[in-house]
Amino acid sequence: MKLIKKLTLSTLLLAGISFSTQAAIIGGVEFPDGAASFADKVVSFTPGDPSATSPYSNPENAIGIPDFDAASTSCTDTDCEYVSLGRGGSIVLEFVDNLLTGSNNSDLDLWVFEIGPDVEDTFVDVSADGLVWTSVGKVFGATSGIDLDAFGFDASSLLRFVRLTDDPDEGDLTGLTVGADIDAVGAISTILVPPTDVNAPSIAILIGLMMTGLIARRKS
């Protein structure tokens, strides 16, 4: 498994191992890798005080593509598209099948989808390992983007974690959905991570190609 993680995407493609992605406009923003561009795992959730009430307090609602329907008037335990952080609350999300990067330019690299009529500010931090964090400012509600390069990152930066923290000094202090309401977090600049369930025959083909290349190089 360690071998697979060190392989480049182009090398995997030579072995017939491909990752299906397609550019798509999602939530009004074009993502080069489509649905694969979004954070897909909740690492931790620390509700603020006061915290939101059920069904608005499920952190799993912040992963995947933005799916908030502004025309919908209901939100149930089994059908709610966002999580309310609560006043000063915080959530840590992880990119599992891709890594967030800068872009070597001033384009917006990271998008936060915050919904609801009460537009609330959210502090944003990023991290490669979930231990050392770098603040990249804050977003001001609705669909907002951040240029990571403005904070010292570039295309070689490999960031896996994003932490969102509600600004306790903004927004309503009472109600069912206190704090920033997070629908999704997406990466424009991203590097796909090879899946860990690549089958054995494909691995064998890949290793064979690599070995053939090594032998040819030694003979030349």
Protein backbone atom coordinates (compact mmCIF):
# COMPACT_ATOMS: atom_id res chain seq x y z
CA MET A 1 0.00 0.00 0.00
CA LYS A 2 2.89 2.38 0.71
CA LEU A 3 4.09 1.84 -2.85
CA ILE A 4 0.76 2.95 -4.30
CA LYS A 5 0.74 6.20 -2.36
CA LYS A 6 4.08 7.20 -3.87
CA LEU A 7 2.97 6.67 -7.46
CA THR A 8 2.04 9.61 -9.63
CA LEU A 9 -1.32 9.84 -11.33
CA SER A 10 0.34 9.63 -14.77
CA THR A 11 2.13 6.41 -13.82
CA LEU A 12 -1.14 4.88 -12.65
CA LEU A 13 -2.83 5.84 -15.89
CA LEU A 14 -0.08 4.01 -17.82
CA ALA A 15 -1.12 0.88 -15.97
CA GLY A 16 -4.74 1.36 -16.93
CA ILE A 17 -5.73 2.58 -13.48
CA SER A 18 -7.82 5.73 -13.87
CA PHE A 19 -9.85 8.04 -11.68
CA SER A 20 -13.06 9.33 -13.20
CA THR A 21 -13.52 13.07 -12.67
CA GLN A 22 -15.33 15.63 -14.74
CA ALA A 23 -15.50 19.39 -14.44
CA ALA A 24 -18.87 20.65 -13.29
CA ILE A 25 -20.54 23.83 -12.13
CA ILE A 26 -21.71 23.08 -8.60
CA GLY A 27 -23.37 25.65 -6.39
CA GLY A 28 -22.62 28.32 -9.01
CA VAL A 29 -18.86 27.61 -9.03
CA GLU A 30 -16.96 25.59 -11.62
CA PHE A 31 -14.95 22.77 -10.05
CA PRO A 32 -12.40 21.11 -12.39
CA ASP A 33 -12.79 17.76 -10.62
CA GLY A 34 -16.53 17.92 -10.09
CA ALA A 35 -17.97 16.20 -7.03
CA ALA A 36 -14.54 14.81 -6.09
CA SER A 37 -13.50 18.36 -5.17
CA PHE A 38 -15.40 18.48 -1.87
CA ALA A 39 -14.45 17.64 1.69
CA ASP A 40 -15.86 14.20 2.48
CA LYS A 41 -15.12 13.42 6.12
CA VAL A 42 -15.89 15.04 9.46
CA VAL A 43 -12.88 14.93 11.80
CA SER A 44 -14.40 16.81 14.72
CA PHE A 45 -17.30 19.05 15.62
CA THR A 46 -17.42 21.38 18.62
CA PRO A 47 -20.80 23.14 18.79
CA GLY A 48 -20.85 26.69 20.08
CA ASP A 49 -22.91 28.12 22.91
CA PRO A 50 -25.75 28.40 22.33
CA SER A 51 -25.63 25.50 19.94
CA ALA A 52 -28.09 24.74 17.19
CA THR A 53 -30.87 22.26 17.84
CA SER A 54 -31.67 19.05 15.94
CA PRO A 55 -31.90 18.53 12.98
CA TYR A 56 -29.52 21.42 12.30
CA SER A 57 -26.73 20.02 14.46
CA ASN A 58 -25.57 17.04 12.36
CA PRO A 59 -21.96 17.70 11.21
CA GLU A 60 -22.25 15.11 8.42
CA ASN A 61 -24.41 17.61 6.57
CA ALA A 62 -21.28 19.68 5.82
CA ILE A 63 -19.59 17.05 3.64
CA GLY A 64 -20.08 16.31 -0.04
CA ILE A 65 -21.41 18.69 -2.65
CA PRO A 66 -23.53 21.73 -1.70
CA ASP A 67 -27.12 20.56 -1.88
CA PHE A 68 -29.10 23.23 -0.07
CA ASP A 69 -32.47 23.87 -1.67
CA ALA A 70 -33.52 27.44 -0.97
CA ALA A 71 -37.07 26.59 -2.04
CA SER A 72 -37.41 23.89 0.62
CA THR A 73 -39.22 24.83 3.81
CA SER A 74 -38.47 21.66 5.77
CA CYS A 75 -35.39 20.21 7.42
CA THR A 76 -35.67 16.83 9.14
CA ASP A 77 -33.26 14.46 10.86
CA THR A 78 -32.99 12.41 7.67
CA ASP A 79 -33.12 15.29 5.19
CA CYS A 80 -31.15 18.37 6.20
CA GLU A 81 -28.49 19.78 3.91
CA TYR A 82 -26.37 21.84 6.32
CA VAL A 83 -25.04 22.05 9.86
CA SER A 84 -25.28 25.09 12.11
CA LEU A 85 -22.07 25.59 14.08
CA GLY A 86 -23.59 27.42 17.02
CA ARG A 87 -22.13 30.67 18.35
CA GLY A 88 -18.34 30.29 18.18
CA GLY A 89 -18.67 26.63 17.17
CA SER A 90 -16.06 24.84 15.08
CA ILE A 91 -15.91 21.96 12.61
CA VAL A 92 -12.88 20.21 11.08
CA LEU A 93 -13.36 18.61 7.67
CA GLU A 94 -10.98 16.35 5.76
CA PHE A 95 -10.35 15.88 2.05
CA VAL A 96 -9.96 12.12 1.69
CA ASP A 97 -9.77 11.53 -2.06
CA ASN A 98 -8.04 14.77 -2.96
CA LEU A 99 -5.61 17.28 -1.45
CA LEU A 100 -6.20 21.02 -1.40
CA THR A 101 -3.40 23.15 -2.91
CA GLY A 102 -2.64 26.69 -3.94
CA SER A 103 -2.63 27.63 -7.61
CA ASN A 104 0.49 29.80 -8.10
CA ASN A 105 -1.79 32.70 -8.96
CA SER A 106 -4.45 34.93 -7.42
CA ASP A 107 -7.40 32.69 -8.32
CA LEU A 108 -9.71 31.53 -5.54
CA ASP A 109 -8.68 28.02 -4.43
CA LEU A 110 -11.08 27.14 -1.60
CA TRP A 111 -14.83 27.72 -1.46
CA VAL A 112 -17.07 27.66 1.60
CA PHE A 113 -20.82 27.33 1.09
CA GLU A 114 -22.64 29.05 3.97
CA ILE A 115 -26.40 29.31 3.60
CA GLY A 116 -29.42 30.92 5.21
CA PRO A 117 -30.94 34.41 5.32
CA ASP A 118 -28.73 35.44 8.27
CA VAL A 119 -25.32 35.79 6.60
CA GLU A 120 -22.65 34.87 9.16
CA ASP A 121 -18.87 35.19 9.12
CA THR A 122 -16.63 32.16 9.51
CA PHE A 123 -12.92 31.97 10.34
CA VAL A 124 -11.01 29.51 8.14
CA ASP A 125 -7.82 27.56 8.94
CA VAL A 126 -6.05 24.94 6.83
CA SER A 127 -3.61 22.16 7.72
CA ALA A 128 -1.62 19.39 6.09
CA ASP A 129 -1.63 17.10 9.14
CA GLY A 130 -4.47 18.29 11.37
CA LEU A 131 -1.96 19.44 13.99
CA VAL A 132 -0.31 22.59 12.64
CA TRP A 133 -2.85 25.13 11.42
CA THR A 134 -2.57 28.28 9.32
CA SER A 135 -5.25 30.96 9.36
CA VAL A 136 -6.40 32.02 5.89
CA GLY A 137 -8.69 34.76 7.10
CA LYS A 138 -12.45 34.43 7.12
CA VAL A 139 -15.36 34.25 4.73
CA PHE A 140 -18.32 36.56 5.01
CA GLY A 141 -21.25 34.25 4.46
CA ALA A 142 -23.04 32.86 1.42
CA THR A 143 -20.76 31.30 -1.22
CA SER A 144 -17.29 32.69 -0.55
CA GLY A 145 -13.84 31.86 -1.90
CA ILE A 146 -10.29 32.17 -0.55
CA ASP A 147 -7.00 32.62 -2.43
CA LEU A 148 -4.59 30.35 -0.54
CA ASP A 149 -1.59 31.81 -2.37
CA ALA A 150 -2.22 35.11 -0.60
CA PHE A 151 -1.31 33.31 2.63
CA GLY A 152 1.96 31.77 1.46
CA PHE A 153 0.70 28.56 -0.15
CA ASP A 154 1.29 27.43 -3.73
CA ALA A 155 0.66 24.49 -6.06
CA SER A 156 3.14 22.33 -4.13
CA SER A 157 1.24 22.73 -0.83
CA LEU A 158 -0.66 19.57 0.12
CA LEU A 159 -3.45 20.42 2.53
CA ARG A 160 -5.88 17.81 3.82
CA PHE A 161 -7.82 19.58 6.56
CA VAL A 162 -10.02 22.68 6.80
CA ARG A 163 -11.29 24.11 10.08
CA LEU A 164 -14.27 26.45 10.11
CA THR A 165 -15.08 28.50 13.21
CA ASP A 166 -18.14 30.69 13.59
CA ASP A 167 -17.44 34.33 14.40
CA PRO A 168 -19.31 34.76 17.72
CA ASP A 169 -19.67 38.50 17.14
CA GLU A 170 -21.72 38.10 13.95
CA GLY A 171 -25.24 36.80 13.34
CA ASP A 172 -28.21 36.06 15.56
CA LEU A 173 -27.62 34.82 19.09
CA THR A 174 -30.91 32.95 19.44
CA GLY A 175 -32.98 30.63 17.29
CA LEU A 176 -32.87 27.14 15.84
CA THR A 177 -29.82 27.71 13.64
CA VAL A 178 -27.39 29.79 15.66
CA GLY A 179 -23.98 30.29 14.08
CA ALA A 180 -22.71 29.83 10.54
CA ASP A 181 -24.69 27.28 8.53
CA ILE A 182 -22.23 25.16 6.54
CA ASP A 183 -23.42 23.25 3.48
CA ALA A 184 -20.10 22.24 1.89
CA VAL A 185 -16.41 23.02 1.42
CA GLY A 186 -14.84 22.61 -2.01
CA ALA A 187 -11.34 22.81 -3.50
CA ILE A 188 -10.69 24.39 -6.89
CA SER A 189 -6.95 23.71 -6.82
CA THR A 190 -6.61 20.05 -5.94
CA ILE A 191 -4.56 16.91 -6.41
CA LEU A 192 -6.43 13.62 -6.61
CA VAL A 193 -5.35 10.87 -4.25
CA PRO A 194 -5.25 7.33 -5.72
CA PRO A 195 -7.88 5.11 -4.08
CA THR A 196 -6.58 2.50 -1.65
CA ASP A 197 -8.75 -0.26 -3.10
CA VAL A 198 -6.95 -0.58 -6.44
CA ASN A 199 -7.25 -4.29 -7.32
CA ALA A 200 -4.33 -6.70 -7.31
CA PRO A 201 -4.18 -7.38 -11.10
CA SER A 202 -3.86 -3.66 -11.77
CA ILE A 203 -1.11 -3.38 -9.17
CA ALA A 204 0.71 -6.30 -10.77
CA ILE A 205 0.53 -4.61 -14.18
CA LEU A 206 1.79 -1.38 -12.68
CA ILE A 207 4.72 -3.01 -10.92
CA GLY A 208 5.58 -4.89 -14.13
CA LEU A 209 5.70 -1.65 -16.08
CA MET A 210 7.88 -0.05 -13.46
CA MET A 211 10.29 -2.96 -13.39
CA THR A 212 10.49 -3.02 -17.19
CA GLY A 213 11.37 0.64 -17.14
CA LEU A 214 14.05 0.10 -14.53
CA ILE A 215 15.63 -2.76 -16.47
CA ALA A 216 15.60 -0.80 -19.72
CA ARG A 217 17.24 2.13 -17.97
CA ARG A 218 20.02 -0.04 -16.56
CA LYS A 219 20.77 -1.52 -20.03
CA SER A 220 20.92 1.86 -21.71
